[in-house]
């Protein structure tokens, strides 16, 4: 990192991206667990048909699907960044890239 500004910039962005990914996954898992409480809260709701699932039955599945899509997006952006860096081009990660660059330039 002392020899190349490019390497320092790209490495810090990649590290920040991975930390952001881990935080997003933990937040998503918290929402996923919370969706079960929402589902169970709708079990004892107003007169549903006895053979029908509760109104909130599909919330955990929707949240799990969103977590999966978010994880795939994080992985895809990481792969694109790796390919761009191997080709010698700079890559600015979405959302955090400009913040990391401003942090480095301080």
PDB file of N, CA and C in Angstrom:
ATOM      1  N   UNK A   1       0.820  -1.198   0.000  1.00  0.00           N
ATOM      2  CA  UNK A   1       0.000   0.000   0.000  1.00  0.00           C
ATOM      3  C   UNK A   1       0.858   1.254   0.000  1.00  0.00           C
ATOM      4  N   UNK A   2       2.069   1.193   0.558  1.00  0.00           N
ATOM      5  CA  UNK A   2       2.932   2.372   0.546  1.00  0.00           C
ATOM      6  C   UNK A   2       3.498   2.634  -0.841  1.00  0.00           C
ATOM      7  N   UNK A   3       3.580   1.598  -1.687  1.00  0.00           N
ATOM      8  CA  UNK A   3       4.187   1.743  -3.004  1.00  0.00           C
ATOM      9  C   UNK A   3       3.202   2.227  -4.060  1.00  0.00           C
ATOM     10  N   UNK A   4       1.935   1.924  -3.889  1.00  0.00           N
ATOM     11  CA  UNK A   4       0.978   2.223  -4.945  1.00  0.00           C
ATOM     12  C   UNK A   4      -0.313   2.803  -4.365  1.00  0.00           C
ATOM     13  N   UNK A   5      -0.634   3.989  -4.821  1.00  0.00           N
ATOM     14  CA  UNK A   5      -1.899   4.615  -4.423  1.00  0.00           C
ATOM     15  C   UNK A   5      -3.088   3.825  -4.976  1.00  0.00           C
ATOM     16  N   UNK A   6      -2.924   3.274  -6.174  1.00  0.00           N
ATOM     17  CA  UNK A   6      -3.972   2.472  -6.813  1.00  0.00           C
ATOM     18  C   UNK A   6      -4.312   1.241  -5.970  1.00  0.00           C
ATOM     19  N   UNK A   7      -3.277   0.523  -5.520  1.00  0.00           N
ATOM     20  CA  UNK A   7      -3.500  -0.688  -4.726  1.00  0.00           C
ATOM     21  C   UNK A   7      -4.157  -0.335  -3.400  1.00  0.00           C
ATOM     22  N   UNK A   8      -3.706   0.728  -2.772  1.00  0.00           N
ATOM     23  CA  UNK A   8      -4.284   1.134  -1.492  1.00  0.00           C
ATOM     24  C   UNK A   8      -5.749   1.502  -1.648  1.00  0.00           C
ATOM     25  N   UNK A   9      -6.057   2.263  -2.702  1.00  0.00           N
ATOM     26  CA  UNK A   9      -7.430   2.683  -2.945  1.00  0.00           C
ATOM     27  C   UNK A   9      -8.338   1.483  -3.199  1.00  0.00           C
ATOM     28  N   UNK A  10      -7.927   0.589  -4.076  1.00  0.00           N
ATOM     29  CA  UNK A  10      -8.765  -0.559  -4.434  1.00  0.00           C
ATOM     30  C   UNK A  10      -8.895  -1.550  -3.269  1.00  0.00           C
ATOM     31  N   UNK A  11      -7.823  -1.754  -2.516  1.00  0.00           N
ATOM     32  CA  UNK A  11      -7.886  -2.682  -1.385  1.00  0.00           C
ATOM     33  C   UNK A  11      -8.808  -2.155  -0.288  1.00  0.00           C
ATOM     34  N   UNK A  12      -8.726  -0.862  -0.010  1.00  0.00           N
ATOM     35  CA  UNK A  12      -9.589  -0.297   1.034  1.00  0.00           C
ATOM     36  C   UNK A  12     -11.054  -0.315   0.596  1.00  0.00           C
ATOM     37  N   UNK A  13     -11.300  -0.067  -0.682  1.00  0.00           N
ATOM     38  CA  UNK A  13     -12.674  -0.146  -1.165  1.00  0.00           C
ATOM     39  C   UNK A  13     -13.205  -1.579  -1.074  1.00  0.00           C
ATOM     40  N   UNK A  14     -12.375  -2.555  -1.454  1.00  0.00           N
ATOM     41  CA  UNK A  14     -12.814  -3.961  -1.394  1.00  0.00           C
ATOM     42  C   UNK A  14     -13.093  -4.382   0.040  1.00  0.00           C
ATOM     43  N   UNK A  15     -12.221  -3.991   0.957  1.00  0.00           N
ATOM     44  CA  UNK A  15     -12.427  -4.326   2.364  1.00  0.00           C
ATOM     45  C   UNK A  15     -13.707  -3.684   2.890  1.00  0.00           C
ATOM     46  N   UNK A  16     -13.919  -2.425   2.561  1.00  0.00           N
ATOM     47  CA  UNK A  16     -15.137  -1.738   3.000  1.00  0.00           C
ATOM     48  C   UNK A  16     -16.384  -2.387   2.405  1.00  0.00           C
ATOM     49  N   UNK A  17     -16.283  -2.817   1.149  1.00  0.00           N
ATOM     50  CA  UNK A  17     -17.415  -3.486   0.495  1.00  0.00           C
ATOM     51  C   UNK A  17     -17.758  -4.791   1.207  1.00  0.00           C
ATOM     52  N   UNK A  18     -16.751  -5.569   1.569  1.00  0.00           N
ATOM     53  CA  UNK A  18     -17.002  -6.842   2.249  1.00  0.00           C
ATOM     54  C   UNK A  18     -17.581  -6.632   3.643  1.00  0.00           C
ATOM     55  N   UNK A  19     -17.110  -5.617   4.349  1.00  0.00           N
ATOM     56  CA  UNK A  19     -17.666  -5.306   5.672  1.00  0.00           C
ATOM     57  C   UNK A  19     -19.120  -4.860   5.540  1.00  0.00           C
ATOM     58  N   UNK A  20     -19.411  -4.064   4.513  1.00  0.00           N
ATOM     59  CA  UNK A  20     -20.787  -3.637   4.263  1.00  0.00           C
ATOM     60  C   UNK A  20     -21.672  -4.835   3.930  1.00  0.00           C
ATOM     61  N   UNK A  21     -21.128  -5.781   3.171  1.00  0.00           N
ATOM     62  CA  UNK A  21     -21.885  -6.992   2.833  1.00  0.00           C
ATOM     63  C   UNK A  21     -22.221  -7.801   4.083  1.00  0.00           C
ATOM     64  N   UNK A  22     -21.256  -7.978   4.949  1.00  0.00           N
ATOM     65  CA  UNK A  22     -21.491  -8.737   6.178  1.00  0.00           C
ATOM     66  C   UNK A  22     -22.549  -8.042   7.041  1.00  0.00           C
ATOM     67  N   UNK A  23     -22.451  -6.719   7.162  1.00  0.00           N
ATOM     68  CA  UNK A  23     -23.437  -5.977   7.956  1.00  0.00           C
ATOM     69  C   UNK A  23     -24.830  -6.093   7.347  1.00  0.00           C
ATOM     70  N   UNK A  24     -24.917  -6.026   6.020  1.00  0.00           N
ATOM     71  CA  UNK A  24     -26.221  -6.139   5.358  1.00  0.00           C
ATOM     72  C   UNK A  24     -26.819  -7.530   5.549  1.00  0.00           C
ATOM     73  N   UNK A  25     -25.987  -8.558   5.496  1.00  0.00           N
ATOM     74  CA  UNK A  25     -26.485  -9.918   5.698  1.00  0.00           C
ATOM     75  C   UNK A  25     -26.987 -10.096   7.136  1.00  0.00           C
ATOM     76  N   UNK A  26     -26.243  -9.578   8.115  1.00  0.00           N
ATOM     77  CA  UNK A  26     -26.703  -9.676   9.506  1.00  0.00           C
ATOM     78  C   UNK A  26     -28.013  -8.919   9.704  1.00  0.00           C
ATOM     79  N   UNK A  27     -28.128  -7.748   9.101  1.00  0.00           N
ATOM     80  CA  UNK A  27     -29.371  -6.983   9.201  1.00  0.00           C
ATOM     81  C   UNK A  27     -30.516  -7.735   8.537  1.00  0.00           C
ATOM     82  N   UNK A  28     -30.233  -8.335   7.385  1.00  0.00           N
ATOM     83  CA  UNK A  28     -31.255  -9.122   6.693  1.00  0.00           C
ATOM     84  C   UNK A  28     -31.692 -10.327   7.507  1.00  0.00           C
ATOM     85  N   UNK A  29     -30.751 -10.984   8.155  1.00  0.00           N
ATOM     86  CA  UNK A  29     -31.105 -12.141   8.992  1.00  0.00           C
ATOM     87  C   UNK A  29     -31.944 -11.710  10.196  1.00  0.00           C
ATOM     88  N   UNK A  30     -31.647 -10.536  10.740  1.00  0.00           N
ATOM     89  CA  UNK A  30     -32.479 -10.015  11.827  1.00  0.00           C
ATOM     90  C   UNK A  30     -33.900  -9.765  11.361  1.00  0.00           C
ATOM     91  N   UNK A  31     -34.030  -9.214  10.150  1.00  0.00           N
ATOM     92  CA  UNK A  31     -35.374  -9.003   9.584  1.00  0.00           C
ATOM     93  C   UNK A  31     -36.062 -10.337   9.308  1.00  0.00           C
ATOM     94  N   UNK A  32     -35.283 -11.319   8.873  1.00  0.00           N
ATOM     95  CA  UNK A  32     -35.843 -12.637   8.596  1.00  0.00           C
ATOM     96  C   UNK A  32     -36.399 -13.259   9.870  1.00  0.00           C
ATOM     97  N   UNK A  33     -35.635 -13.180  10.964  1.00  0.00           N
ATOM     98  CA  UNK A  33     -36.120 -13.727  12.235  1.00  0.00           C
ATOM     99  C   UNK A  33     -37.330 -12.946  12.733  1.00  0.00           C
ATOM    100  N   UNK A  34     -37.315 -11.630  12.546  1.00  0.00           N
ATOM    101  CA  UNK A  34     -38.453 -10.815  12.945  1.00  0.00           C
ATOM    102  C   UNK A  34     -39.707 -11.129  12.147  1.00  0.00           C
ATOM    103  N   UNK A  35     -39.519 -11.556  10.899  1.00  0.00           N
ATOM    104  CA  UNK A  35     -40.689 -11.879  10.075  1.00  0.00           C
ATOM    105  C   UNK A  35     -41.429 -13.104  10.608  1.00  0.00           C
ATOM    106  N   UNK A  36     -40.725 -13.989  11.310  1.00  0.00           N
ATOM    107  CA  UNK A  36     -41.416 -15.126  11.922  1.00  0.00           C
ATOM    108  C   UNK A  36     -42.340 -14.658  13.041  1.00  0.00           C
ATOM    109  N   UNK A  37     -41.898 -13.657  13.808  1.00  0.00           N
ATOM    110  CA  UNK A  37     -42.773 -13.109  14.843  1.00  0.00           C
ATOM    111  C   UNK A  37     -44.009 -12.479  14.209  1.00  0.00           C
ATOM    112  N   UNK A  38     -43.815 -11.811  13.084  1.00  0.00           N
ATOM    113  CA  UNK A  38     -44.950 -11.224  12.383  1.00  0.00           C
ATOM    114  C   UNK A  38     -45.894 -12.313  11.874  1.00  0.00           C
ATOM    115  N   UNK A  39     -45.307 -13.390  11.378  1.00  0.00           N
ATOM    116  CA  UNK A  39     -46.130 -14.495  10.893  1.00  0.00           C
ATOM    117  C   UNK A  39     -46.937 -15.111  12.045  1.00  0.00           C
ATOM    118  N   UNK A  40     -46.284 -15.350  13.169  1.00  0.00           N
ATOM    119  CA  UNK A  40     -46.985 -15.949  14.305  1.00  0.00           C
ATOM    120  C   UNK A  40     -48.029 -15.004  14.887  1.00  0.00           C
ATOM    121  N   UNK A  41     -47.797 -13.706  14.779  1.00  0.00           N
ATOM    122  CA  UNK A  41     -48.777 -12.739  15.275  1.00  0.00           C
ATOM    123  C   UNK A  41     -50.055 -12.785  14.450  1.00  0.00           C
ATOM    124  N   UNK A  42     -49.930 -13.146  13.175  1.00  0.00           N
ATOM    125  CA  UNK A  42     -51.130 -13.206  12.335  1.00  0.00           C
ATOM    126  C   UNK A  42     -51.867 -14.537  12.465  1.00  0.00           C
ATOM    127  N   UNK A  43     -51.267 -15.493  13.179  1.00  0.00           N
ATOM    128  CA  UNK A  43     -51.951 -16.777  13.375  1.00  0.00           C
ATOM    129  C   UNK A  43     -53.266 -16.616  14.129  1.00  0.00           C
ATOM    130  N   UNK A  44     -53.224 -15.718  15.097  1.00  0.00           N
ATOM    131  CA  UNK A  44     -54.385 -15.561  15.963  1.00  0.00           C
ATOM    132  C   UNK A  44     -55.205 -14.337  15.575  1.00  0.00           C
ATOM    133  N   UNK A  45     -55.210 -14.018  14.302  1.00  0.00           N
ATOM    134  CA  UNK A  45     -55.915 -12.834  13.814  1.00  0.00           C
ATOM    135  C   UNK A  45     -57.392 -13.083  13.602  1.00  0.00           C
ATOM    136  N   UNK A  46     -57.948 -12.210  12.819  1.00  0.00           N
ATOM    137  CA  UNK A  46     -59.390 -12.272  12.569  1.00  0.00           C
ATOM    138  C   UNK A  46     -59.729 -13.456  11.680  1.00  0.00           C
ATOM    139  N   UNK A  47     -60.871 -14.039  11.899  1.00  0.00           N
ATOM    140  CA  UNK A  47     -61.429 -15.230  11.290  1.00  0.00           C
ATOM    141  C   UNK A  47     -60.907 -15.645   9.920  1.00  0.00           C
ATOM    142  N   UNK A  48     -59.805 -16.310   9.873  1.00  0.00           N
ATOM    143  CA  UNK A  48     -59.325 -16.885   8.625  1.00  0.00           C
ATOM    144  C   UNK A  48     -59.999 -18.235   8.409  1.00  0.00           C
ATOM    145  N   UNK A  49     -59.999 -18.658   7.163  1.00  0.00           N
ATOM    146  CA  UNK A  49     -60.508 -19.995   6.874  1.00  0.00           C
ATOM    147  C   UNK A  49     -59.590 -21.009   7.548  1.00  0.00           C
ATOM    148  N   UNK A  50     -60.133 -22.084   8.102  1.00  0.00           N
ATOM    149  CA  UNK A  50     -59.305 -23.032   8.856  1.00  0.00           C
ATOM    150  C   UNK A  50     -58.237 -23.722   8.015  1.00  0.00           C
ATOM    151  N   UNK A  51     -58.455 -23.882   6.726  1.00  0.00           N
ATOM    152  CA  UNK A  51     -57.463 -24.576   5.907  1.00  0.00           C
ATOM    153  C   UNK A  51     -56.527 -23.610   5.168  1.00  0.00           C
ATOM    154  N   UNK A  52     -56.693 -22.304   5.355  1.00  0.00           N
ATOM    155  CA  UNK A  52     -55.858 -21.305   4.680  1.00  0.00           C
ATOM    156  C   UNK A  52     -54.664 -20.944   5.574  1.00  0.00           C
ATOM    157  N   UNK A  53     -53.528 -20.629   4.965  1.00  0.00           N
ATOM    158  CA  UNK A  53     -52.393 -20.193   5.782  1.00  0.00           C
ATOM    159  C   UNK A  53     -52.671 -18.816   6.372  1.00  0.00           C
ATOM    160  N   UNK A  54     -52.014 -18.483   7.458  1.00  0.00           N
ATOM    161  CA  UNK A  54     -52.223 -17.154   8.048  1.00  0.00           C
ATOM    162  C   UNK A  54     -51.771 -16.064   7.068  1.00  0.00           C
ATOM    163  N   UNK A  55     -52.300 -14.854   7.210  1.00  0.00           N
ATOM    164  CA  UNK A  55     -51.957 -13.792   6.261  1.00  0.00           C
ATOM    165  C   UNK A  55     -50.449 -13.508   6.170  1.00  0.00           C
ATOM    166  N   UNK A  56     -49.731 -13.647   7.242  1.00  0.00           N
ATOM    167  CA  UNK A  56     -48.303 -13.353   7.229  1.00  0.00           C
ATOM    168  C   UNK A  56     -47.422 -14.544   6.918  1.00  0.00           C
ATOM    169  N   UNK A  57     -48.011 -15.625   6.427  1.00  0.00           N
ATOM    170  CA  UNK A  57     -47.266 -16.866   6.204  1.00  0.00           C
ATOM    171  C   UNK A  57     -46.128 -16.697   5.209  1.00  0.00           C
ATOM    172  N   UNK A  58     -46.305 -15.853   4.221  1.00  0.00           N
ATOM    173  CA  UNK A  58     -45.305 -15.727   3.163  1.00  0.00           C
ATOM    174  C   UNK A  58     -44.245 -14.661   3.435  1.00  0.00           C
ATOM    175  N   UNK A  59     -44.371 -13.891   4.526  1.00  0.00           N
ATOM    176  CA  UNK A  59     -43.370 -12.879   4.847  1.00  0.00           C
ATOM    177  C   UNK A  59     -41.965 -13.449   4.979  1.00  0.00           C
ATOM    178  N   UNK A  60     -41.757 -14.527   5.733  1.00  0.00           N
ATOM    179  CA  UNK A  60     -40.390 -15.062   5.842  1.00  0.00           C
ATOM    180  C   UNK A  60     -39.811 -15.502   4.495  1.00  0.00           C
ATOM    181  N   UNK A  61     -40.655 -16.035   3.629  1.00  0.00           N
ATOM    182  CA  UNK A  61     -40.168 -16.457   2.314  1.00  0.00           C
ATOM    183  C   UNK A  61     -39.758 -15.256   1.465  1.00  0.00           C
ATOM    184  N   UNK A  62     -40.532 -14.185   1.544  1.00  0.00           N
ATOM    185  CA  UNK A  62     -40.195 -12.967   0.796  1.00  0.00           C
ATOM    186  C   UNK A  62     -38.899 -12.355   1.320  1.00  0.00           C
ATOM    187  N   UNK A  63     -38.746 -12.312   2.631  1.00  0.00           N
ATOM    188  CA  UNK A  63     -37.529 -11.762   3.221  1.00  0.00           C
ATOM    189  C   UNK A  63     -36.325 -12.620   2.843  1.00  0.00           C
ATOM    190  N   UNK A  64     -36.462 -13.937   2.883  1.00  0.00           N
ATOM    191  CA  UNK A  64     -35.360 -14.830   2.502  1.00  0.00           C
ATOM    192  C   UNK A  64     -34.987 -14.625   1.036  1.00  0.00           C
ATOM    193  N   UNK A  65     -35.972 -14.442   0.181  1.00  0.00           N
ATOM    194  CA  UNK A  65     -35.698 -14.171  -1.223  1.00  0.00           C
ATOM    195  C   UNK A  65     -34.959 -12.856  -1.429  1.00  0.00           C
ATOM    196  N   UNK A  66     -35.351 -11.828  -0.683  1.00  0.00           N
ATOM    197  CA  UNK A  66     -34.663 -10.545  -0.776  1.00  0.00           C
ATOM    198  C   UNK A  66     -33.220 -10.645  -0.273  1.00  0.00           C
ATOM    199  N   UNK A  67     -33.011 -11.405   0.800  1.00  0.00           N
ATOM    200  CA  UNK A  67     -31.648 -11.600   1.312  1.00  0.00           C
ATOM    201  C   UNK A  67     -30.805 -12.310   0.269  1.00  0.00           C
ATOM    202  N   UNK A  68     -31.360 -13.320  -0.376  1.00  0.00           N
ATOM    203  CA  UNK A  68     -30.629 -14.046  -1.416  1.00  0.00           C
ATOM    204  C   UNK A  68     -30.263 -13.123  -2.577  1.00  0.00           C
ATOM    205  N   UNK A  69     -31.224 -12.305  -3.031  1.00  0.00           N
ATOM    206  CA  UNK A  69     -30.944 -11.381  -4.127  1.00  0.00           C
ATOM    207  C   UNK A  69     -29.894 -10.344  -3.739  1.00  0.00           C
ATOM    208  N   UNK A  70     -29.962  -9.856  -2.507  1.00  0.00           N
ATOM    209  CA  UNK A  70     -28.971  -8.902  -2.025  1.00  0.00           C
ATOM    210  C   UNK A  70     -27.582  -9.523  -1.979  1.00  0.00           C
ATOM    211  N   UNK A  71     -27.492 -10.748  -1.492  1.00  0.00           N
ATOM    212  CA  UNK A  71     -26.204 -11.437  -1.431  1.00  0.00           C
ATOM    213  C   UNK A  71     -25.648 -11.663  -2.835  1.00  0.00           C
ATOM    214  N   UNK A  72     -26.496 -12.041  -3.773  1.00  0.00           N
ATOM    215  CA  UNK A  72     -26.032 -12.239  -5.154  1.00  0.00           C
ATOM    216  C   UNK A  72     -25.561 -10.927  -5.772  1.00  0.00           C
ATOM    217  N   UNK A  73     -26.234  -9.829  -5.457  1.00  0.00           N
ATOM    218  CA  UNK A  73     -25.813  -8.526  -5.977  1.00  0.00           C
ATOM    219  C   UNK A  73     -24.448  -8.143  -5.414  1.00  0.00           C
ATOM    220  N   UNK A  74     -24.241  -8.365  -4.119  1.00  0.00           N
ATOM    221  CA  UNK A  74     -22.941  -8.071  -3.508  1.00  0.00           C
ATOM    222  C   UNK A  74     -21.840  -8.905  -4.157  1.00  0.00           C
ATOM    223  N   UNK A  75     -22.101 -10.178  -4.376  1.00  0.00           N
ATOM    224  CA  UNK A  75     -21.105 -11.066  -4.983  1.00  0.00           C
ATOM    225  C   UNK A  75     -20.825 -10.649  -6.421  1.00  0.00           C
ATOM    226  N   UNK A  76     -21.862 -10.309  -7.164  1.00  0.00           N
ATOM    227  CA  UNK A  76     -21.691  -9.894  -8.558  1.00  0.00           C
ATOM    228  C   UNK A  76     -20.846  -8.626  -8.658  1.00  0.00           C
ATOM    229  N   UNK A  77     -21.123  -7.647  -7.806  1.00  0.00           N
ATOM    230  CA  UNK A  77     -20.330  -6.415  -7.823  1.00  0.00           C
ATOM    231  C   UNK A  77     -18.881  -6.709  -7.450  1.00  0.00           C
ATOM    232  N   UNK A  78     -18.662  -7.591  -6.478  1.00  0.00           N
ATOM    233  CA  UNK A  78     -17.298  -7.974  -6.110  1.00  0.00           C
ATOM    234  C   UNK A  78     -16.559  -8.656  -7.249  1.00  0.00           C
ATOM    235  N   UNK A  79     -17.254  -9.519  -7.983  1.00  0.00           N
ATOM    236  CA  UNK A  79     -16.633 -10.186  -9.133  1.00  0.00           C
ATOM    237  C   UNK A  79     -16.303  -9.199 -10.249  1.00  0.00           C
ATOM    238  N   UNK A  80     -17.210  -8.278 -10.511  1.00  0.00           N
ATOM    239  CA  UNK A  80     -16.948  -7.264 -11.533  1.00  0.00           C
ATOM    240  C   UNK A  80     -15.752  -6.412 -11.139  1.00  0.00           C
ATOM    241  N   UNK A  81     -15.682  -6.048  -9.856  1.00  0.00           N
ATOM    242  CA  UNK A  81     -14.549  -5.256  -9.380  1.00  0.00           C
ATOM    243  C   UNK A  81     -13.240  -6.025  -9.521  1.00  0.00           C
ATOM    244  N   UNK A  82     -13.252  -7.310  -9.198  1.00  0.00           N
ATOM    245  CA  UNK A  82     -12.038  -8.122  -9.314  1.00  0.00           C
ATOM    246  C   UNK A  82     -11.577  -8.217 -10.759  1.00  0.00           C
ATOM    247  N   UNK A  83     -12.521  -8.417 -11.668  1.00  0.00           N
ATOM    248  CA  UNK A  83     -12.169  -8.507 -13.084  1.00  0.00           C
ATOM    249  C   UNK A  83     -11.605  -7.181 -13.577  1.00  0.00           C
ATOM    250  N   UNK A  84     -12.251  -6.076 -13.203  1.00  0.00           N
ATOM    251  CA  UNK A  84     -11.751  -4.752 -13.618  1.00  0.00           C
ATOM    252  C   UNK A  84     -10.360  -4.487 -13.061  1.00  0.00           C
ATOM    253  N   UNK A  85     -10.131  -4.869 -11.810  1.00  0.00           N
ATOM    254  CA  UNK A  85      -8.813  -4.650 -11.212  1.00  0.00           C
ATOM    255  C   UNK A  85      -7.748  -5.525 -11.857  1.00  0.00           C
ATOM    256  N   UNK A  86      -8.086  -6.759 -12.198  1.00  0.00           N
ATOM    257  CA  UNK A  86      -7.128  -7.627 -12.880  1.00  0.00           C
ATOM    258  C   UNK A  86      -6.772  -7.092 -14.259  1.00  0.00           C
ATOM    259  N   UNK A  87      -7.688  -6.361 -14.878  1.00  0.00           N
ATOM    260  CA  UNK A  87      -7.420  -5.750 -16.172  1.00  0.00           C
ATOM    261  C   UNK A  87      -6.646  -4.440 -16.043  1.00  0.00           C
ATOM    262  N   UNK A  88      -6.457  -3.964 -14.796  1.00  0.00           N
ATOM    263  CA  UNK A  88      -5.703  -2.739 -14.567  1.00  0.00           C
ATOM    264  C   UNK A  88      -6.535  -1.477 -14.538  1.00  0.00           C
ATOM    265  N   UNK A  89      -7.846  -1.612 -14.519  1.00  0.00           N
ATOM    266  CA  UNK A  89      -8.739  -0.461 -14.478  1.00  0.00           C
ATOM    267  C   UNK A  89      -9.165  -0.197 -13.039  1.00  0.00           C
ATOM    268  N   UNK A  90      -9.436   1.056 -12.748  1.00  0.00           N
ATOM    269  CA  UNK A  90      -9.959   1.373 -11.421  1.00  0.00           C
ATOM    270  C   UNK A  90     -11.444   1.028 -11.377  1.00  0.00           C
ATOM    271  N   UNK A  91     -11.906   0.715 -10.212  1.00  0.00           N
ATOM    272  CA  UNK A  91     -13.328   0.404 -10.008  1.00  0.00           C
ATOM    273  C   UNK A  91     -13.780   1.133  -8.772  1.00  0.00           C
ATOM    274  N   UNK A  92     -14.876   1.847  -8.889  1.00  0.00           N
ATOM    275  CA  UNK A  92     -15.469   2.532  -7.744  1.00  0.00           C
ATOM    276  C   UNK A  92     -16.722   1.765  -7.338  1.00  0.00           C
ATOM    277  N   UNK A  93     -16.710   1.245  -6.133  1.00  0.00           N
ATOM    278  CA  UNK A  93     -17.853   0.477  -5.641  1.00  0.00           C
ATOM    279  C   UNK A  93     -19.048   1.394  -5.454  1.00  0.00           C
ATOM    280  N   UNK A  94     -20.251   0.886  -5.738  1.00  0.00           N
ATOM    281  CA  UNK A  94     -21.432   1.721  -5.533  1.00  0.00           C
ATOM    282  C   UNK A  94     -21.621   2.054  -4.059  1.00  0.00           C
ATOM    283  N   UNK A  95     -22.127   3.201  -3.802  1.00  0.00           N
ATOM    284  CA  UNK A  95     -22.493   3.717  -2.487  1.00  0.00           C
ATOM    285  C   UNK A  95     -21.275   4.051  -1.626  1.00  0.00           C
ATOM    286  N   UNK A  96     -20.328   3.136  -1.463  1.00  0.00           N
ATOM    287  CA  UNK A  96     -19.220   3.388  -0.537  1.00  0.00           C
ATOM    288  C   UNK A  96     -17.946   3.855  -1.210  1.00  0.00           C
ATOM    289  N   UNK A  97     -17.842   3.748  -2.517  1.00  0.00           N
ATOM    290  CA  UNK A  97     -16.607   4.071  -3.219  1.00  0.00           C
ATOM    291  C   UNK A  97     -16.168   5.513  -3.043  1.00  0.00           C
ATOM    292  N   UNK A  98     -17.098   6.448  -3.204  1.00  0.00           N
ATOM    293  CA  UNK A  98     -16.734   7.866  -3.064  1.00  0.00           C
ATOM    294  C   UNK A  98     -16.398   8.203  -1.615  1.00  0.00           C
ATOM    295  N   UNK A  99     -17.065   7.555  -0.668  1.00  0.00           N
ATOM    296  CA  UNK A  99     -16.761   7.795   0.743  1.00  0.00           C
ATOM    297  C   UNK A  99     -15.356   7.315   1.080  1.00  0.00           C
ATOM    298  N   UNK A 100     -14.967   6.157   0.561  1.00  0.00           N
ATOM    299  CA  UNK A 100     -13.635   5.619   0.814  1.00  0.00           C
ATOM    300  C   UNK A 100     -12.583   6.526   0.198  1.00  0.00           C
ATOM    301  N   UNK A 101     -12.832   7.002  -1.006  1.00  0.00           N
ATOM    302  CA  UNK A 101     -11.858   7.887  -1.659  1.00  0.00           C
ATOM    303  C   UNK A 101     -11.704   9.189  -0.873  1.00  0.00           C
ATOM    304  N   UNK A 102     -12.788   9.742  -0.376  1.00  0.00           N
ATOM    305  CA  UNK A 102     -12.673  10.964   0.421  1.00  0.00           C
ATOM    306  C   UNK A 102     -11.954  10.692   1.736  1.00  0.00           C
ATOM    307  N   UNK A 103     -12.121   9.491   2.294  1.00  0.00           N
ATOM    308  CA  UNK A 103     -11.417   9.115   3.529  1.00  0.00           C
ATOM    309  C   UNK A 103      -9.916   9.026   3.271  1.00  0.00           C
ATOM    310  N   UNK A 104      -9.525   8.459   2.143  1.00  0.00           N
ATOM    311  CA  UNK A 104      -8.111   8.326   1.805  1.00  0.00           C
ATOM    312  C   UNK A 104      -7.471   9.683   1.584  1.00  0.00           C
ATOM    313  N   UNK A 105      -8.179  10.591   0.950  1.00  0.00           N
ATOM    314  CA  UNK A 105      -7.617  11.901   0.601  1.00  0.00           C
ATOM    315  C   UNK A 105      -7.551  12.847   1.771  1.00  0.00           C
ATOM    316  N   UNK A 106      -8.101  12.505   2.907  1.00  0.00           N
ATOM    317  CA  UNK A 106      -8.046  13.393   4.078  1.00  0.00           C
ATOM    318  C   UNK A 106      -6.675  13.412   4.693  1.00  0.00           C
TER     319      UNK A 106
END
